């Protein structure tokens, strides 16, 4: 179980739901304090500096685009800043050679605190398949992270009945 200040997530269920996202290569889910909730395919633990960049990247476009992102020592150039989404890539756009990255922040409907999701995807999968095409169409219920959280809540409610 993953404890958070106002709720408990079943890590096994969360990992099962995240595993359904087959186009995601690496996954890092952080709570509002930047503590990892779960991860997948990370070569190492992300450093506190890497996590701090994710937590604060939406405060200012220059904080995201200028330095880019680092995940487990791999540098990604940030190409798009559309709060609550930020995304980019590393390497060439050739099939199997490049890797995209997407960061999304959503407010949990459970405790009204932010959750931070970082996913990478191997090119030629395009960002439009991993993140919404336009942030204007983004609502919390449309994000995969919120879907995962909603599914977890529904399963929890069903178990209580």
N, C-alpha and C. Protein backbone atom coordinates (compact mmCIF):
# COMPACT_ATOMS: atom_id res chain seq x y z
N UNK A 1 0.84 -1.18 0.00
CA UNK A 1 0.00 0.00 0.00
C UNK A 1 0.88 1.25 0.00
N UNK A 2 0.46 2.25 -0.71
CA UNK A 2 1.17 3.52 -0.75
C UNK A 2 0.38 4.50 0.09
N UNK A 3 1.00 4.97 1.15
CA UNK A 3 0.31 5.88 2.06
C UNK A 3 0.48 7.32 1.58
N UNK A 4 -0.57 8.07 1.66
CA UNK A 4 -0.52 9.49 1.42
C UNK A 4 -1.31 10.13 2.55
N UNK A 5 -1.21 11.43 2.68
CA UNK A 5 -1.77 12.08 3.85
C UNK A 5 -3.26 11.85 4.03
N UNK A 6 -4.02 11.69 2.96
CA UNK A 6 -5.47 11.57 3.11
C UNK A 6 -6.04 10.29 2.52
N UNK A 7 -5.21 9.47 1.93
CA UNK A 7 -5.75 8.26 1.31
C UNK A 7 -4.66 7.23 1.13
N UNK A 8 -5.07 6.03 0.79
CA UNK A 8 -4.15 4.94 0.56
C UNK A 8 -4.41 4.37 -0.82
N UNK A 9 -3.36 4.21 -1.60
CA UNK A 9 -3.47 3.59 -2.91
C UNK A 9 -2.92 2.19 -2.84
N UNK A 10 -3.57 1.27 -3.48
CA UNK A 10 -3.07 -0.08 -3.57
C UNK A 10 -2.03 -0.09 -4.69
N UNK A 11 -0.75 -0.21 -4.35
CA UNK A 11 0.32 -0.12 -5.34
C UNK A 11 0.19 -1.19 -6.41
N UNK A 12 -0.25 -2.38 -6.03
CA UNK A 12 -0.41 -3.45 -7.02
C UNK A 12 -1.45 -3.07 -8.06
N UNK A 13 -2.57 -2.53 -7.61
CA UNK A 13 -3.63 -2.11 -8.54
C UNK A 13 -3.13 -0.96 -9.41
N UNK A 14 -2.45 0.00 -8.78
CA UNK A 14 -1.92 1.13 -9.52
C UNK A 14 -0.95 0.65 -10.60
N UNK A 15 -0.03 -0.24 -10.25
CA UNK A 15 0.93 -0.76 -11.22
C UNK A 15 0.23 -1.53 -12.34
N UNK A 16 -0.83 -2.26 -12.01
CA UNK A 16 -1.59 -2.98 -13.05
C UNK A 16 -2.23 -2.01 -14.02
N UNK A 17 -2.80 -0.93 -13.50
CA UNK A 17 -3.43 0.07 -14.38
C UNK A 17 -2.39 0.78 -15.24
N UNK A 18 -1.25 1.12 -14.65
CA UNK A 18 -0.20 1.77 -15.43
C UNK A 18 0.39 0.84 -16.48
N UNK A 19 0.44 -0.46 -16.18
CA UNK A 19 0.97 -1.44 -17.13
C UNK A 19 0.12 -1.52 -18.40
N UNK A 20 -1.13 -1.13 -18.30
CA UNK A 20 -2.00 -1.15 -19.48
C UNK A 20 -1.60 -0.09 -20.50
N UNK A 21 -0.81 0.87 -20.06
CA UNK A 21 -0.33 1.92 -20.97
C UNK A 21 0.92 1.41 -21.67
N UNK A 22 0.72 0.58 -22.67
CA UNK A 22 1.82 -0.13 -23.32
C UNK A 22 2.75 0.77 -24.14
N UNK A 23 2.30 1.95 -24.50
CA UNK A 23 3.16 2.84 -25.27
C UNK A 23 4.09 3.65 -24.37
N UNK A 24 3.89 3.59 -23.08
CA UNK A 24 4.77 4.27 -22.14
C UNK A 24 5.99 3.41 -21.89
N UNK A 25 7.17 3.98 -22.02
CA UNK A 25 8.40 3.24 -21.77
C UNK A 25 8.80 3.34 -20.29
N UNK A 26 9.11 4.54 -19.85
CA UNK A 26 9.45 4.76 -18.45
C UNK A 26 8.32 5.55 -17.79
N UNK A 27 8.08 5.24 -16.53
CA UNK A 27 7.00 5.91 -15.80
C UNK A 27 7.52 6.30 -14.42
N UNK A 28 7.17 7.51 -14.01
CA UNK A 28 7.47 7.98 -12.66
C UNK A 28 6.24 8.74 -12.18
N UNK A 29 5.64 8.28 -11.11
CA UNK A 29 4.49 8.93 -10.50
C UNK A 29 4.91 9.44 -9.13
N UNK A 30 4.75 10.76 -8.92
CA UNK A 30 5.16 11.40 -7.68
C UNK A 30 3.96 11.97 -6.94
N UNK A 31 4.03 11.98 -5.62
CA UNK A 31 2.97 12.63 -4.86
C UNK A 31 3.25 14.13 -4.81
N UNK A 32 2.41 14.88 -4.09
CA UNK A 32 2.53 16.34 -4.04
C UNK A 32 3.84 16.81 -3.41
N UNK A 33 4.49 15.96 -2.64
CA UNK A 33 5.77 16.32 -2.03
C UNK A 33 6.96 15.90 -2.87
N UNK A 34 6.71 15.25 -4.00
CA UNK A 34 7.79 14.80 -4.86
C UNK A 34 8.32 13.43 -4.50
N UNK A 35 7.62 12.73 -3.63
CA UNK A 35 8.04 11.38 -3.26
C UNK A 35 7.46 10.39 -4.27
N UNK A 36 8.30 9.47 -4.76
CA UNK A 36 7.79 8.49 -5.74
C UNK A 36 6.69 7.61 -5.15
N UNK A 37 5.62 7.47 -5.92
CA UNK A 37 4.53 6.55 -5.57
C UNK A 37 4.79 5.22 -6.26
N UNK A 38 5.14 5.31 -7.54
CA UNK A 38 5.51 4.11 -8.28
C UNK A 38 6.34 4.53 -9.48
N UNK A 39 7.03 3.55 -10.07
CA UNK A 39 7.84 3.81 -11.26
C UNK A 39 7.97 2.53 -12.06
N UNK A 40 8.42 2.70 -13.30
CA UNK A 40 8.64 1.54 -14.16
C UNK A 40 9.80 1.85 -15.11
N UNK A 41 10.67 0.87 -15.30
CA UNK A 41 11.77 0.94 -16.26
C UNK A 41 12.77 2.06 -16.01
N UNK A 42 12.94 2.47 -14.77
CA UNK A 42 13.95 3.49 -14.47
C UNK A 42 15.26 2.79 -14.17
N UNK A 43 16.34 3.27 -14.79
CA UNK A 43 17.66 2.66 -14.58
C UNK A 43 18.17 2.91 -13.17
N UNK A 44 17.73 4.02 -12.57
CA UNK A 44 18.14 4.36 -11.22
C UNK A 44 17.05 5.24 -10.62
N UNK A 45 17.22 5.54 -9.34
CA UNK A 45 16.30 6.47 -8.70
C UNK A 45 16.56 7.88 -9.24
N UNK A 46 15.52 8.64 -9.53
CA UNK A 46 15.76 10.02 -9.95
C UNK A 46 16.35 10.82 -8.79
N UNK A 47 17.23 11.75 -9.13
CA UNK A 47 17.86 12.57 -8.10
C UNK A 47 16.88 13.62 -7.59
N UNK A 48 17.20 14.19 -6.45
CA UNK A 48 16.33 15.24 -5.90
C UNK A 48 16.31 16.46 -6.82
N UNK A 49 17.39 16.73 -7.51
CA UNK A 49 17.43 17.85 -8.47
C UNK A 49 16.51 17.58 -9.65
N UNK A 50 16.51 16.34 -10.14
CA UNK A 50 15.63 15.98 -11.25
C UNK A 50 14.17 16.12 -10.84
N UNK A 51 13.84 15.64 -9.66
CA UNK A 51 12.46 15.71 -9.17
C UNK A 51 12.05 17.17 -8.96
N UNK A 52 12.95 18.00 -8.42
CA UNK A 52 12.63 19.41 -8.20
C UNK A 52 12.29 20.12 -9.50
N UNK A 53 12.99 19.79 -10.59
CA UNK A 53 12.68 20.40 -11.88
C UNK A 53 11.26 20.06 -12.32
N UNK A 54 10.85 18.81 -12.13
CA UNK A 54 9.48 18.43 -12.50
C UNK A 54 8.46 19.17 -11.64
N UNK A 55 8.70 19.21 -10.33
CA UNK A 55 7.72 19.82 -9.43
C UNK A 55 7.51 21.30 -9.70
N UNK A 56 8.53 21.99 -10.22
CA UNK A 56 8.45 23.43 -10.39
C UNK A 56 8.41 23.89 -11.85
N UNK A 57 8.36 22.96 -12.78
CA UNK A 57 8.46 23.34 -14.20
C UNK A 57 7.26 24.14 -14.70
N UNK A 58 6.12 24.05 -14.06
CA UNK A 58 4.95 24.78 -14.52
C UNK A 58 4.89 26.22 -14.00
N UNK A 59 5.78 26.56 -13.09
CA UNK A 59 5.79 27.90 -12.51
C UNK A 59 6.18 28.96 -13.54
N UNK A 60 7.02 28.58 -14.46
CA UNK A 60 7.56 29.54 -15.42
C UNK A 60 8.05 28.78 -16.64
N UNK A 61 7.68 29.24 -17.81
CA UNK A 61 8.09 28.57 -19.05
C UNK A 61 9.60 28.41 -19.12
N UNK A 62 10.33 29.43 -18.71
CA UNK A 62 11.79 29.38 -18.78
C UNK A 62 12.39 28.32 -17.86
N UNK A 63 11.69 28.00 -16.76
CA UNK A 63 12.18 26.96 -15.85
C UNK A 63 12.11 25.57 -16.48
N UNK A 64 11.23 25.42 -17.46
CA UNK A 64 11.09 24.13 -18.13
C UNK A 64 11.88 24.07 -19.43
N UNK A 65 11.70 25.06 -20.27
CA UNK A 65 12.30 25.04 -21.61
C UNK A 65 13.80 25.24 -21.56
N UNK A 66 14.26 26.18 -20.74
CA UNK A 66 15.70 26.47 -20.66
C UNK A 66 16.54 25.26 -20.30
N UNK A 67 16.38 24.74 -19.10
CA UNK A 67 17.23 23.62 -18.70
C UNK A 67 16.79 22.27 -19.24
N UNK A 68 15.54 22.17 -19.68
CA UNK A 68 15.04 20.87 -20.10
C UNK A 68 14.82 19.98 -18.89
N UNK A 69 14.62 18.69 -19.14
CA UNK A 69 14.41 17.72 -18.07
C UNK A 69 15.57 16.73 -18.05
N UNK A 70 15.82 16.19 -16.88
CA UNK A 70 16.73 15.07 -16.73
C UNK A 70 15.95 13.98 -16.01
N UNK A 71 16.08 12.77 -16.49
CA UNK A 71 15.45 11.62 -15.85
C UNK A 71 16.47 10.52 -15.78
N UNK A 72 16.88 10.19 -14.57
CA UNK A 72 17.88 9.14 -14.33
C UNK A 72 19.14 9.38 -15.14
N UNK A 73 19.55 10.65 -15.22
CA UNK A 73 20.78 11.01 -15.91
C UNK A 73 20.64 11.27 -17.40
N UNK A 74 19.49 10.96 -17.99
CA UNK A 74 19.26 11.23 -19.42
C UNK A 74 18.66 12.62 -19.58
N UNK A 75 19.25 13.42 -20.47
CA UNK A 75 18.76 14.77 -20.70
C UNK A 75 17.74 14.80 -21.84
N UNK A 76 16.65 15.52 -21.61
CA UNK A 76 15.60 15.70 -22.62
C UNK A 76 15.43 17.19 -22.87
N UNK A 77 15.39 17.59 -24.14
CA UNK A 77 15.07 18.97 -24.48
C UNK A 77 13.57 19.14 -24.36
N UNK A 78 13.14 20.22 -23.73
CA UNK A 78 11.71 20.52 -23.64
C UNK A 78 11.32 21.31 -24.87
N UNK A 79 10.34 20.81 -25.60
CA UNK A 79 9.93 21.43 -26.84
C UNK A 79 8.57 22.12 -26.75
N UNK A 80 7.74 21.70 -25.82
CA UNK A 80 6.40 22.27 -25.69
C UNK A 80 6.09 22.54 -24.22
N UNK A 81 5.52 23.72 -23.99
CA UNK A 81 5.12 24.13 -22.65
C UNK A 81 3.66 24.54 -22.73
N UNK A 82 2.77 23.66 -22.33
CA UNK A 82 1.32 23.90 -22.38
C UNK A 82 0.72 23.44 -21.05
N UNK A 83 0.88 24.21 -19.98
CA UNK A 83 0.38 23.77 -18.68
C UNK A 83 -1.05 23.27 -18.76
N UNK A 84 -1.33 22.14 -18.14
CA UNK A 84 -0.51 21.38 -17.21
C UNK A 84 0.38 20.33 -17.86
N UNK A 85 0.69 20.50 -19.13
CA UNK A 85 1.57 19.56 -19.84
C UNK A 85 2.86 20.24 -20.26
N UNK A 86 3.94 19.47 -20.18
CA UNK A 86 5.23 19.89 -20.72
C UNK A 86 5.82 18.65 -21.37
N UNK A 87 6.30 18.79 -22.60
CA UNK A 87 6.88 17.61 -23.24
C UNK A 87 7.99 17.95 -24.21
N UNK A 88 8.80 16.94 -24.50
CA UNK A 88 9.95 17.12 -25.37
C UNK A 88 10.54 15.78 -25.76
N UNK A 89 11.85 15.77 -26.09
CA UNK A 89 12.48 14.51 -26.49
C UNK A 89 13.99 14.60 -26.38
N UNK A 90 14.60 13.45 -26.52
CA UNK A 90 16.06 13.37 -26.60
C UNK A 90 16.37 12.49 -27.80
N UNK A 91 17.51 12.74 -28.40
CA UNK A 91 17.93 11.93 -29.54
C UNK A 91 17.22 12.30 -30.83
N UNK A 92 17.61 11.63 -31.91
CA UNK A 92 17.01 11.92 -33.21
C UNK A 92 15.59 11.35 -33.30
N UNK A 93 14.80 11.89 -34.23
CA UNK A 93 13.43 11.41 -34.37
C UNK A 93 13.31 10.07 -35.09
N UNK A 94 14.43 9.45 -35.39
CA UNK A 94 14.39 8.17 -36.10
C UNK A 94 13.80 7.07 -35.22
N UNK A 95 13.18 6.11 -35.87
CA UNK A 95 12.55 5.01 -35.16
C UNK A 95 13.55 4.28 -34.27
N UNK A 96 13.19 4.14 -33.01
CA UNK A 96 14.01 3.41 -32.07
C UNK A 96 15.23 4.15 -31.54
N UNK A 97 15.52 5.34 -32.07
CA UNK A 97 16.71 6.07 -31.64
C UNK A 97 16.40 7.21 -30.68
N UNK A 98 15.21 7.77 -30.79
CA UNK A 98 14.84 8.88 -29.93
C UNK A 98 13.84 8.45 -28.87
N UNK A 99 13.70 9.31 -27.87
CA UNK A 99 12.76 9.03 -26.78
C UNK A 99 12.06 10.34 -26.42
N UNK A 100 10.74 10.30 -26.38
CA UNK A 100 9.96 11.46 -25.98
C UNK A 100 9.72 11.42 -24.49
N UNK A 101 9.40 12.58 -23.93
CA UNK A 101 9.07 12.67 -22.51
C UNK A 101 7.85 13.58 -22.36
N UNK A 102 6.98 13.24 -21.44
CA UNK A 102 5.81 14.05 -21.16
C UNK A 102 5.64 14.15 -19.65
N UNK A 103 5.38 15.36 -19.18
CA UNK A 103 5.12 15.61 -17.77
C UNK A 103 3.70 16.16 -17.66
N UNK A 104 2.96 15.68 -16.69
CA UNK A 104 1.60 16.15 -16.48
C UNK A 104 1.37 16.27 -14.98
N UNK A 105 0.68 17.33 -14.60
CA UNK A 105 0.31 17.51 -13.20
C UNK A 105 -1.21 17.59 -13.13
N UNK A 106 -1.79 16.80 -12.25
CA UNK A 106 -3.23 16.85 -12.04
C UNK A 106 -3.51 16.95 -10.54
N UNK A 107 -4.64 17.53 -10.23
CA UNK A 107 -5.06 17.62 -8.84
C UNK A 107 -5.90 16.40 -8.53
N UNK A 108 -5.51 15.69 -7.51
CA UNK A 108 -6.23 14.50 -7.10
C UNK A 108 -7.64 14.86 -6.64
N UNK A 109 -8.60 14.09 -7.10
CA UNK A 109 -9.97 14.30 -6.65
C UNK A 109 -10.17 13.72 -5.25
N UNK A 110 -9.20 12.97 -4.78
CA UNK A 110 -9.31 12.34 -3.48
C UNK A 110 -8.96 13.32 -2.37
N UNK A 111 -7.80 13.99 -2.50
CA UNK A 111 -7.35 14.87 -1.41
C UNK A 111 -7.01 16.28 -1.87
N UNK A 112 -7.33 16.61 -3.13
CA UNK A 112 -7.13 17.95 -3.67
C UNK A 112 -5.66 18.38 -3.71
N UNK A 113 -4.74 17.41 -3.71
CA UNK A 113 -3.31 17.70 -3.82
C UNK A 113 -2.83 17.20 -5.17
N UNK A 114 -1.74 17.79 -5.63
CA UNK A 114 -1.23 17.45 -6.96
C UNK A 114 -0.52 16.10 -6.99
N UNK A 115 -0.71 15.41 -8.10
CA UNK A 115 0.06 14.23 -8.46
C UNK A 115 0.85 14.61 -9.71
N UNK A 116 2.06 14.09 -9.83
CA UNK A 116 2.93 14.42 -10.94
C UNK A 116 3.27 13.14 -11.68
N UNK A 117 3.01 13.13 -12.97
CA UNK A 117 3.27 11.95 -13.79
C UNK A 117 4.29 12.30 -14.85
N UNK A 118 5.35 11.48 -14.94
CA UNK A 118 6.36 11.62 -15.99
C UNK A 118 6.38 10.31 -16.75
N UNK A 119 6.21 10.39 -18.07
CA UNK A 119 6.29 9.18 -18.89
C UNK A 119 7.23 9.46 -20.06
N UNK A 120 7.91 8.42 -20.50
CA UNK A 120 8.68 8.52 -21.73
C UNK A 120 8.11 7.50 -22.71
N UNK A 121 8.40 7.73 -23.97
CA UNK A 121 7.91 6.85 -25.03
C UNK A 121 8.98 6.81 -26.11
N UNK A 122 9.16 5.63 -26.68
CA UNK A 122 10.17 5.44 -27.72
C UNK A 122 9.59 5.85 -29.06
N UNK A 123 10.33 6.71 -29.76
CA UNK A 123 9.89 7.13 -31.09
C UNK A 123 9.92 5.92 -32.03
N UNK A 124 9.00 5.74 -32.94
CA UNK A 124 8.20 6.75 -33.61
C UNK A 124 6.85 7.04 -32.96
N UNK A 125 6.56 6.51 -31.77
CA UNK A 125 5.32 6.92 -31.11
C UNK A 125 5.39 8.42 -30.94
N UNK A 126 4.34 9.10 -31.33
CA UNK A 126 4.36 10.56 -31.29
C UNK A 126 3.66 11.07 -30.04
N UNK A 127 4.00 12.28 -29.67
CA UNK A 127 3.44 12.85 -28.44
C UNK A 127 1.92 12.93 -28.48
N UNK A 128 1.35 13.11 -29.66
CA UNK A 128 -0.11 13.19 -29.76
C UNK A 128 -0.79 11.90 -29.34
N UNK A 129 -0.06 10.80 -29.34
CA UNK A 129 -0.64 9.53 -28.87
C UNK A 129 -0.43 9.37 -27.37
N UNK A 130 0.48 10.13 -26.79
CA UNK A 130 0.79 9.98 -25.37
C UNK A 130 0.20 11.13 -24.56
N UNK A 131 0.22 12.31 -25.09
CA UNK A 131 -0.35 13.46 -24.39
C UNK A 131 -1.41 14.09 -25.30
N UNK A 132 -2.36 14.80 -24.74
CA UNK A 132 -3.39 15.44 -25.57
C UNK A 132 -2.77 16.41 -26.57
N UNK A 133 -3.41 16.54 -27.72
CA UNK A 133 -2.90 17.41 -28.77
C UNK A 133 -2.92 18.87 -28.31
N UNK A 134 -3.93 19.25 -27.61
CA UNK A 134 -4.04 20.65 -27.20
C UNK A 134 -4.42 20.73 -25.73
N UNK A 135 -3.72 21.58 -25.00
CA UNK A 135 -4.03 21.69 -23.57
C UNK A 135 -5.41 22.29 -23.34
N UNK A 136 -5.95 22.98 -24.34
CA UNK A 136 -7.27 23.56 -24.17
C UNK A 136 -8.34 22.48 -24.02
N UNK A 137 -8.07 21.30 -24.52
CA UNK A 137 -9.02 20.20 -24.40
C UNK A 137 -8.74 19.34 -23.17
N UNK A 138 -7.69 19.68 -22.47
CA UNK A 138 -7.31 18.86 -21.32
C UNK A 138 -8.14 19.24 -20.10
N UNK A 139 -8.76 18.26 -19.53
CA UNK A 139 -9.42 18.40 -18.23
C UNK A 139 -8.90 17.24 -17.41
N UNK A 140 -8.94 17.36 -16.12
CA UNK A 140 -8.39 16.31 -15.28
C UNK A 140 -8.98 14.95 -15.60
N UNK A 141 -10.28 14.88 -15.92
CA UNK A 141 -10.88 13.57 -16.19
C UNK A 141 -10.45 13.00 -17.53
N UNK A 142 -9.78 13.79 -18.36
CA UNK A 142 -9.32 13.29 -19.65
C UNK A 142 -7.89 12.76 -19.59
N UNK A 143 -7.17 13.02 -18.52
CA UNK A 143 -5.79 12.55 -18.45
C UNK A 143 -5.75 11.10 -18.02
N UNK A 144 -4.78 10.41 -18.47
CA UNK A 144 -4.63 9.00 -18.11
C UNK A 144 -4.42 8.86 -16.61
N UNK A 145 -3.67 9.79 -16.03
CA UNK A 145 -3.43 9.71 -14.59
C UNK A 145 -4.73 9.80 -13.82
N UNK A 146 -5.61 10.73 -14.19
CA UNK A 146 -6.87 10.84 -13.50
C UNK A 146 -7.72 9.59 -13.73
N UNK A 147 -7.65 9.04 -14.95
CA UNK A 147 -8.36 7.80 -15.24
C UNK A 147 -7.88 6.69 -14.31
N UNK A 148 -6.57 6.59 -14.15
CA UNK A 148 -6.01 5.58 -13.25
C UNK A 148 -6.53 5.82 -11.83
N UNK A 149 -6.49 7.06 -11.38
CA UNK A 149 -6.97 7.38 -10.03
C UNK A 149 -8.47 7.07 -9.90
N UNK A 150 -9.25 7.42 -10.91
CA UNK A 150 -10.69 7.15 -10.87
C UNK A 150 -10.97 5.65 -10.84
N UNK A 151 -10.23 4.89 -11.64
CA UNK A 151 -10.41 3.44 -11.64
C UNK A 151 -10.07 2.85 -10.28
N UNK A 152 -9.02 3.37 -9.67
CA UNK A 152 -8.64 2.90 -8.34
C UNK A 152 -9.74 3.20 -7.33
N UNK A 153 -10.30 4.41 -7.41
CA UNK A 153 -11.37 4.78 -6.48
C UNK A 153 -12.61 3.92 -6.69
N UNK A 154 -12.96 3.66 -7.97
CA UNK A 154 -14.12 2.82 -8.24
C UNK A 154 -13.92 1.43 -7.70
N UNK A 155 -12.73 0.87 -7.86
CA UNK A 155 -12.45 -0.48 -7.35
C UNK A 155 -12.52 -0.47 -5.83
N UNK A 156 -12.03 0.60 -5.20
CA UNK A 156 -12.06 0.68 -3.75
C UNK A 156 -13.49 0.76 -3.25
N UNK A 157 -14.35 1.56 -3.95
CA UNK A 157 -15.75 1.68 -3.56
C UNK A 157 -16.47 0.35 -3.69
N UNK A 158 -16.18 -0.38 -4.78
CA UNK A 158 -16.83 -1.67 -4.99
C UNK A 158 -16.44 -2.66 -3.90
N UNK A 159 -15.18 -2.61 -3.47
CA UNK A 159 -14.72 -3.52 -2.41
C UNK A 159 -15.41 -3.21 -1.09
N UNK A 160 -15.73 -1.92 -0.83
CA UNK A 160 -16.36 -1.54 0.42
C UNK A 160 -17.82 -1.99 0.47
N UNK A 161 -18.48 -2.12 -0.68
CA UNK A 161 -19.91 -2.50 -0.72
C UNK A 161 -20.13 -3.93 -0.34
